[in-house]
Amino acid sequence: MAKLLAGWVPAYNAAKDRYLLNAFLLALILLGVVRFFPSQQGLADIVERGFPRSAADYLRGQPAVRLFHEDLWGGYLVRRLGQQRKIFLDSRSLYEEAGVFGDYLSIISVEPGTLPLLRKYGIEACLIERDGPLATFLSALPDWQQVHADKVSALFYRKSLRPDPGPKLAGKPGAERNRARMLQAIGQ
């Protein structure tokens, strides 16, 4: 490879070096890195806005369950909860299990096969975007209950498996009407 590139790159000429210019450019780059690199608090704020930190803390205090979650949260959950916890997928799964990602897309999009797919994988809990379509869908189903919510996420357990949720979460206006519509849509 070096022999191929040698024909295209001119030979080194020490007379062309600009030491002061190189030093100035290097100092400018270092200053930019130091100036724009986020602080510890800045990094914590980024995590707080984009990842389910309090939900992960909640899960750490509960028995391990088969967990369905947003795809971008997989690596975070492995790091936060430990590798002994069963999560649905992380970035490695995209390359290893192509069929699982297709099923993930069907579930998260609330396609007609959502409930059978959740049963197929033995999903016992769902950690999903708080305002996403799957959260709306699960809140309308009688066998799922929201047990935790934060700014980013909502955690649902199957009622037969749910832990003690603490104080009951307030219902949303029209929840019963929405539940009846959802059940009618899925044929139950």
C-alpha atoms as a PDB file:
ATOM      1  CA  MET A   1       0.000   0.000   0.000  1.00  0.00           C
ATOM      2  CA  ALA A   2       2.831   2.401   0.916  1.00  0.00           C
ATOM      3  CA  LYS A   3       4.461   1.801  -2.455  1.00  0.00           C
ATOM      4  CA  LEU A   4       1.239   2.747  -4.242  1.00  0.00           C
ATOM      5  CA  LEU A   5       0.859   5.958  -2.261  1.00  0.00           C
ATOM      6  CA  ALA A   6       4.552   6.887  -2.626  1.00  0.00           C
ATOM      7  CA  GLY A   7       4.017   7.692  -6.293  1.00  0.00           C
ATOM      8  CA  TRP A   8       1.242  10.187  -5.478  1.00  0.00           C
ATOM      9  CA  VAL A   9       2.726  11.916  -2.431  1.00  0.00           C
ATOM     10  CA  PRO A  10       5.773  14.149  -2.889  1.00  0.00           C
ATOM     11  CA  ALA A  11       8.922  13.340  -0.939  1.00  0.00           C
ATOM     12  CA  TYR A  12       9.494  15.032   2.423  1.00  0.00           C
ATOM     13  CA  ASN A  13      11.170  18.430   2.179  1.00  0.00           C
ATOM     14  CA  ALA A  14      12.313  19.875   5.526  1.00  0.00           C
ATOM     15  CA  ALA A  15      12.590  23.369   4.039  1.00  0.00           C
ATOM     16  CA  LYS A  16       8.796  23.494   3.613  1.00  0.00           C
ATOM     17  CA  ASP A  17       8.009  22.822   7.288  1.00  0.00           C
ATOM     18  CA  ARG A  18       6.228  25.663   9.110  1.00  0.00           C
ATOM     19  CA  TYR A  19       6.876  24.970  12.790  1.00  0.00           C
ATOM     20  CA  LEU A  20       5.151  28.044  14.172  1.00  0.00           C
ATOM     21  CA  LEU A  21       2.083  27.555  11.985  1.00  0.00           C
ATOM     22  CA  ASN A  22       1.861  23.871  12.958  1.00  0.00           C
ATOM     23  CA  ALA A  23       2.230  24.720  16.658  1.00  0.00           C
ATOM     24  CA  PHE A  24      -0.472  27.409  16.378  1.00  0.00           C
ATOM     25  CA  LEU A  25      -2.890  25.047  14.614  1.00  0.00           C
ATOM     26  CA  LEU A  26      -2.252  22.297  17.171  1.00  0.00           C
ATOM     27  CA  ALA A  27      -2.854  24.734  20.057  1.00  0.00           C
ATOM     28  CA  LEU A  28      -6.066  25.925  18.381  1.00  0.00           C
ATOM     29  CA  ILE A  29      -7.328  22.358  18.029  1.00  0.00           C
ATOM     30  CA  LEU A  30      -6.538  21.556  21.665  1.00  0.00           C
ATOM     31  CA  LEU A  31      -8.245  24.729  22.831  1.00  0.00           C
ATOM     32  CA  GLY A  32     -11.340  23.802  20.815  1.00  0.00           C
ATOM     33  CA  VAL A  33     -11.430  20.299  22.311  1.00  0.00           C
ATOM     34  CA  VAL A  34     -11.107  21.648  25.865  1.00  0.00           C
ATOM     35  CA  ARG A  35     -13.633  24.433  25.295  1.00  0.00           C
ATOM     36  CA  PHE A  36     -16.379  22.409  23.624  1.00  0.00           C
ATOM     37  CA  PHE A  37     -16.069  19.104  25.482  1.00  0.00           C
ATOM     38  CA  PRO A  38     -19.081  18.811  27.810  1.00  0.00           C
ATOM     39  CA  SER A  39     -18.633  18.927  31.577  1.00  0.00           C
ATOM     40  CA  GLN A  40     -19.669  16.079  33.885  1.00  0.00           C
ATOM     41  CA  GLN A  41     -22.935  17.910  34.515  1.00  0.00           C
ATOM     42  CA  GLY A  42     -23.427  18.433  30.778  1.00  0.00           C
ATOM     43  CA  LEU A  43     -22.945  14.727  30.133  1.00  0.00           C
ATOM     44  CA  ALA A  44     -25.365  13.862  32.942  1.00  0.00           C
ATOM     45  CA  ASP A  45     -27.956  16.213  31.421  1.00  0.00           C
ATOM     46  CA  ILE A  46     -27.568  14.537  28.022  1.00  0.00           C
ATOM     47  CA  VAL A  47     -28.134  11.116  29.594  1.00  0.00           C
ATOM     48  CA  GLU A  48     -31.121  12.404  31.572  1.00  0.00           C
ATOM     49  CA  ARG A  49     -32.806  13.793  28.432  1.00  0.00           C
ATOM     50  CA  GLY A  50     -32.162  10.811  26.164  1.00  0.00           C
ATOM     51  CA  PHE A  51     -32.135   7.690  28.327  1.00  0.00           C
ATOM     52  CA  PRO A  52     -34.474   6.139  30.919  1.00  0.00           C
ATOM     53  CA  ARG A  53     -32.202   6.693  33.917  1.00  0.00           C
ATOM     54  CA  SER A  54     -34.818   6.662  36.680  1.00  0.00           C
ATOM     55  CA  ALA A  55     -36.625   3.712  35.067  1.00  0.00           C
ATOM     56  CA  ALA A  56     -33.333   1.773  35.004  1.00  0.00           C
ATOM     57  CA  ASP A  57     -32.859   2.577  38.688  1.00  0.00           C
ATOM     58  CA  TYR A  58     -36.397   1.327  39.335  1.00  0.00           C
ATOM     59  CA  LEU A  59     -35.694  -1.905  37.404  1.00  0.00           C
ATOM     60  CA  ARG A  60     -32.537  -2.534  39.421  1.00  0.00           C
ATOM     61  CA  GLY A  61     -34.706  -2.876  42.514  1.00  0.00           C
ATOM     62  CA  GLN A  62     -37.055  -5.392  40.884  1.00  0.00           C
ATOM     63  CA  PRO A  63     -36.637  -9.075  40.011  1.00  0.00           C
ATOM     64  CA  ALA A  64     -35.223  -9.667  36.527  1.00  0.00           C
ATOM     65  CA  VAL A  65     -37.838  -9.935  33.759  1.00  0.00           C
ATOM     66  CA  ARG A  66     -37.800 -10.326  29.989  1.00  0.00           C
ATOM     67  CA  LEU A  67     -37.758  -6.704  28.921  1.00  0.00           C
ATOM     68  CA  PHE A  68     -38.821  -5.131  25.631  1.00  0.00           C
ATOM     69  CA  HIS A  69     -37.416  -1.629  25.156  1.00  0.00           C
ATOM     70  CA  GLU A  70     -36.543   1.054  22.637  1.00  0.00           C
ATOM     71  CA  ASP A  71     -33.689  -0.105  20.402  1.00  0.00           C
ATOM     72  CA  LEU A  72     -31.411   2.845  21.203  1.00  0.00           C
ATOM     73  CA  TRP A  73     -31.620   2.081  24.910  1.00  0.00           C
ATOM     74  CA  GLY A  74     -30.262  -1.486  24.691  1.00  0.00           C
ATOM     75  CA  GLY A  75     -26.588  -0.734  25.271  1.00  0.00           C
ATOM     76  CA  TYR A  76     -27.460   1.755  28.009  1.00  0.00           C
ATOM     77  CA  LEU A  77     -29.601  -0.845  29.792  1.00  0.00           C
ATOM     78  CA  VAL A  78     -26.890  -3.501  29.560  1.00  0.00           C
ATOM     79  CA  ARG A  79     -24.430  -1.051  31.094  1.00  0.00           C
ATOM     80  CA  ARG A  80     -26.851   0.200  33.737  1.00  0.00           C
ATOM     81  CA  LEU A  81     -28.556  -3.077  34.716  1.00  0.00           C
ATOM     82  CA  GLY A  82     -25.774  -5.570  34.092  1.00  0.00           C
ATOM     83  CA  GLN A  83     -25.427  -8.308  31.532  1.00  0.00           C
ATOM     84  CA  GLN A  84     -27.358 -10.851  33.594  1.00  0.00           C
ATOM     85  CA  ARG A  85     -30.613  -9.003  32.812  1.00  0.00           C
ATOM     86  CA  LYS A  86     -32.507 -10.103  29.726  1.00  0.00           C
ATOM     87  CA  ILE A  87     -33.068  -7.229  27.332  1.00  0.00           C
ATOM     88  CA  PHE A  88     -34.700  -7.459  23.932  1.00  0.00           C
ATOM     89  CA  LEU A  89     -31.921  -6.080  21.732  1.00  0.00           C
ATOM     90  CA  ASP A  90     -28.966  -3.752  21.585  1.00  0.00           C
ATOM     91  CA  SER A  91     -26.742  -2.500  18.783  1.00  0.00           C
ATOM     92  CA  ARG A  92     -25.035  -5.905  18.471  1.00  0.00           C
ATOM     93  CA  SER A  93     -28.406  -7.556  17.776  1.00  0.00           C
ATOM     94  CA  LEU A  94     -28.852  -5.595  14.563  1.00  0.00           C
ATOM     95  CA  TYR A  95     -26.062  -7.631  12.996  1.00  0.00           C
ATOM     96  CA  GLU A  96     -26.602 -10.968  14.714  1.00  0.00           C
ATOM     97  CA  GLU A  97     -30.368 -11.414  14.570  1.00  0.00           C
ATOM     98  CA  ALA A  98     -31.964  -9.746  11.558  1.00  0.00           C
ATOM     99  CA  GLY A  99     -35.400 -11.337  12.192  1.00  0.00           C
ATOM    100  CA  VAL A 100     -35.545 -10.009  15.729  1.00  0.00           C
ATOM    101  CA  PHE A 101     -35.146  -6.435  14.512  1.00  0.00           C
ATOM    102  CA  GLY A 102     -38.044  -6.908  12.083  1.00  0.00           C
ATOM    103  CA  ASP A 103     -40.170  -8.143  14.976  1.00  0.00           C
ATOM    104  CA  TYR A 104     -39.001  -5.180  17.051  1.00  0.00           C
ATOM    105  CA  LEU A 105     -40.212  -2.811  14.325  1.00  0.00           C
ATOM    106  CA  SER A 106     -43.592  -4.567  14.209  1.00  0.00           C
ATOM    107  CA  ILE A 107     -44.009  -4.309  17.977  1.00  0.00           C
ATOM    108  CA  ILE A 108     -42.866  -0.709  18.366  1.00  0.00           C
ATOM    109  CA  SER A 109     -45.095   0.363  15.454  1.00  0.00           C
ATOM    110  CA  VAL A 110     -48.107  -1.406  17.000  1.00  0.00           C
ATOM    111  CA  GLU A 111     -48.836  -3.491  13.944  1.00  0.00           C
ATOM    112  CA  PRO A 112     -51.625  -6.097  14.139  1.00  0.00           C
ATOM    113  CA  GLY A 113     -49.218  -8.825  15.325  1.00  0.00           C
ATOM    114  CA  THR A 114     -47.917  -6.860  18.311  1.00  0.00           C
ATOM    115  CA  LEU A 115     -49.498  -8.950  21.087  1.00  0.00           C
ATOM    116  CA  PRO A 116     -48.603 -12.330  19.544  1.00  0.00           C
ATOM    117  CA  LEU A 117     -45.001 -11.132  19.123  1.00  0.00           C
ATOM    118  CA  LEU A 118     -44.820 -10.023  22.761  1.00  0.00           C
ATOM    119  CA  ARG A 119     -46.076 -13.492  23.745  1.00  0.00           C
ATOM    120  CA  LYS A 120     -43.665 -15.195  21.305  1.00  0.00           C
ATOM    121  CA  TYR A 121     -40.667 -13.624  23.035  1.00  0.00           C
ATOM    122  CA  GLY A 122     -42.113 -14.050  26.539  1.00  0.00           C
ATOM    123  CA  ILE A 123     -41.992 -10.300  27.183  1.00  0.00           C
ATOM    124  CA  GLU A 124     -42.918  -9.540  30.781  1.00  0.00           C
ATOM    125  CA  ALA A 125     -42.235  -5.789  30.817  1.00  0.00           C
ATOM    126  CA  CYS A 126     -41.910  -2.952  28.286  1.00  0.00           C
ATOM    127  CA  LEU A 127     -39.714   0.104  28.779  1.00  0.00           C
ATOM    128  CA  ILE A 128     -40.725   2.444  25.989  1.00  0.00           C
ATOM    129  CA  GLU A 129     -40.989   6.101  25.031  1.00  0.00           C
ATOM    130  CA  ARG A 130     -43.501   7.742  27.298  1.00  0.00           C
ATOM    131  CA  ASP A 131     -45.567   9.315  24.528  1.00  0.00           C
ATOM    132  CA  GLY A 132     -45.043   6.667  21.852  1.00  0.00           C
ATOM    133  CA  PRO A 133     -47.772   4.618  20.170  1.00  0.00           C
ATOM    134  CA  LEU A 134     -46.858   1.449  22.078  1.00  0.00           C
ATOM    135  CA  ALA A 135     -47.302   3.260  25.397  1.00  0.00           C
ATOM    136  CA  THR A 136     -50.773   4.386  24.328  1.00  0.00           C
ATOM    137  CA  PHE A 137     -51.585   0.860  23.161  1.00  0.00           C
ATOM    138  CA  LEU A 138     -50.402  -0.873  26.349  1.00  0.00           C
ATOM    139  CA  SER A 139     -52.173   1.626  28.598  1.00  0.00           C
ATOM    140  CA  ALA A 140     -55.431   0.690  26.852  1.00  0.00           C
ATOM    141  CA  LEU A 141     -55.003  -3.043  27.505  1.00  0.00           C
ATOM    142  CA  PRO A 142     -56.426  -4.574  30.698  1.00  0.00           C
ATOM    143  CA  ASP A 143     -53.514  -7.000  31.224  1.00  0.00           C
ATOM    144  CA  TRP A 144     -50.765  -4.335  31.181  1.00  0.00           C
ATOM    145  CA  GLN A 145     -50.160  -1.705  33.844  1.00  0.00           C
ATOM    146  CA  GLN A 146     -47.843   1.286  33.885  1.00  0.00           C
ATOM    147  CA  VAL A 147     -45.719   1.020  37.034  1.00  0.00           C
ATOM    148  CA  HIS A 148     -43.181   3.790  36.460  1.00  0.00           C
ATOM    149  CA  ALA A 149     -42.765   6.877  34.283  1.00  0.00           C
ATOM    150  CA  ASP A 150     -40.200   9.626  33.939  1.00  0.00           C
ATOM    151  CA  LYS A 151     -39.594  12.448  31.455  1.00  0.00           C
ATOM    152  CA  VAL A 152     -38.414  10.035  28.774  1.00  0.00           C
ATOM    153  CA  SER A 153     -39.951   6.626  29.352  1.00  0.00           C
ATOM    154  CA  ALA A 154     -42.837   4.584  30.651  1.00  0.00           C
ATOM    155  CA  LEU A 155     -42.462   1.118  32.164  1.00  0.00           C
ATOM    156  CA  PHE A 156     -45.292  -1.368  31.774  1.00  0.00           C
ATOM    157  CA  TYR A 157     -45.583  -4.800  33.405  1.00  0.00           C
ATOM    158  CA  ARG A 158     -47.978  -7.571  32.609  1.00  0.00           C
ATOM    159  CA  LYS A 159     -50.432  -7.462  35.486  1.00  0.00           C
ATOM    160  CA  SER A 160     -49.763 -11.095  36.387  1.00  0.00           C
ATOM    161  CA  LEU A 161     -46.081 -10.192  36.875  1.00  0.00           C
ATOM    162  CA  ARG A 162     -46.188  -6.609  38.069  1.00  0.00           C
ATOM    163  CA  PRO A 163     -44.234  -5.598  41.149  1.00  0.00           C
ATOM    164  CA  ASP A 164     -45.715  -3.376  43.817  1.00  0.00           C
ATOM    165  CA  PRO A 165     -46.077  -0.100  41.875  1.00  0.00           C
ATOM    166  CA  GLY A 166     -46.349   2.123  44.936  1.00  0.00           C
ATOM    167  CA  PRO A 167     -48.912   4.901  44.551  1.00  0.00           C
ATOM    168  CA  LYS A 168     -51.281   4.365  41.636  1.00  0.00           C
ATOM    169  CA  LEU A 169     -50.570   6.513  38.596  1.00  0.00           C
ATOM    170  CA  ALA A 170     -53.289   8.964  37.702  1.00  0.00           C
ATOM    171  CA  GLY A 171     -55.416   7.976  34.723  1.00  0.00           C
ATOM    172  CA  LYS A 172     -55.705  10.123  31.627  1.00  0.00           C
ATOM    173  CA  PRO A 173     -59.042  11.651  30.591  1.00  0.00           C
ATOM    174  CA  GLY A 174     -60.872   9.385  28.192  1.00  0.00           C
ATOM    175  CA  ALA A 175     -58.719   6.368  29.056  1.00  0.00           C
ATOM    176  CA  GLU A 176     -61.695   3.987  29.201  1.00  0.00           C
ATOM    177  CA  ARG A 177     -62.963   5.156  25.805  1.00  0.00           C
ATOM    178  CA  ASN A 178     -59.470   4.724  24.322  1.00  0.00           C
ATOM    179  CA  ARG A 179     -59.168   1.280  25.913  1.00  0.00           C
ATOM    180  CA  ALA A 180     -62.482   0.183  24.377  1.00  0.00           C
ATOM    181  CA  ARG A 181     -61.375   1.457  20.929  1.00  0.00           C
ATOM    182  CA  MET A 182     -58.029  -0.348  21.142  1.00  0.00           C
ATOM    183  CA  LEU A 183     -59.605  -3.612  22.256  1.00  0.00           C
ATOM    184  CA  GLN A 184     -62.106  -3.351  19.415  1.00  0.00           C
ATOM    185  CA  ALA A 185     -59.277  -2.680  16.927  1.00  0.00           C
ATOM    186  CA  ILE A 186     -57.367  -5.813  17.942  1.00  0.00           C
ATOM    187  CA  GLY A 187     -60.494  -7.940  18.067  1.00  0.00           C
ATOM    188  CA  GLN A 188     -60.744  -8.649  21.793  1.00  0.00           C
END
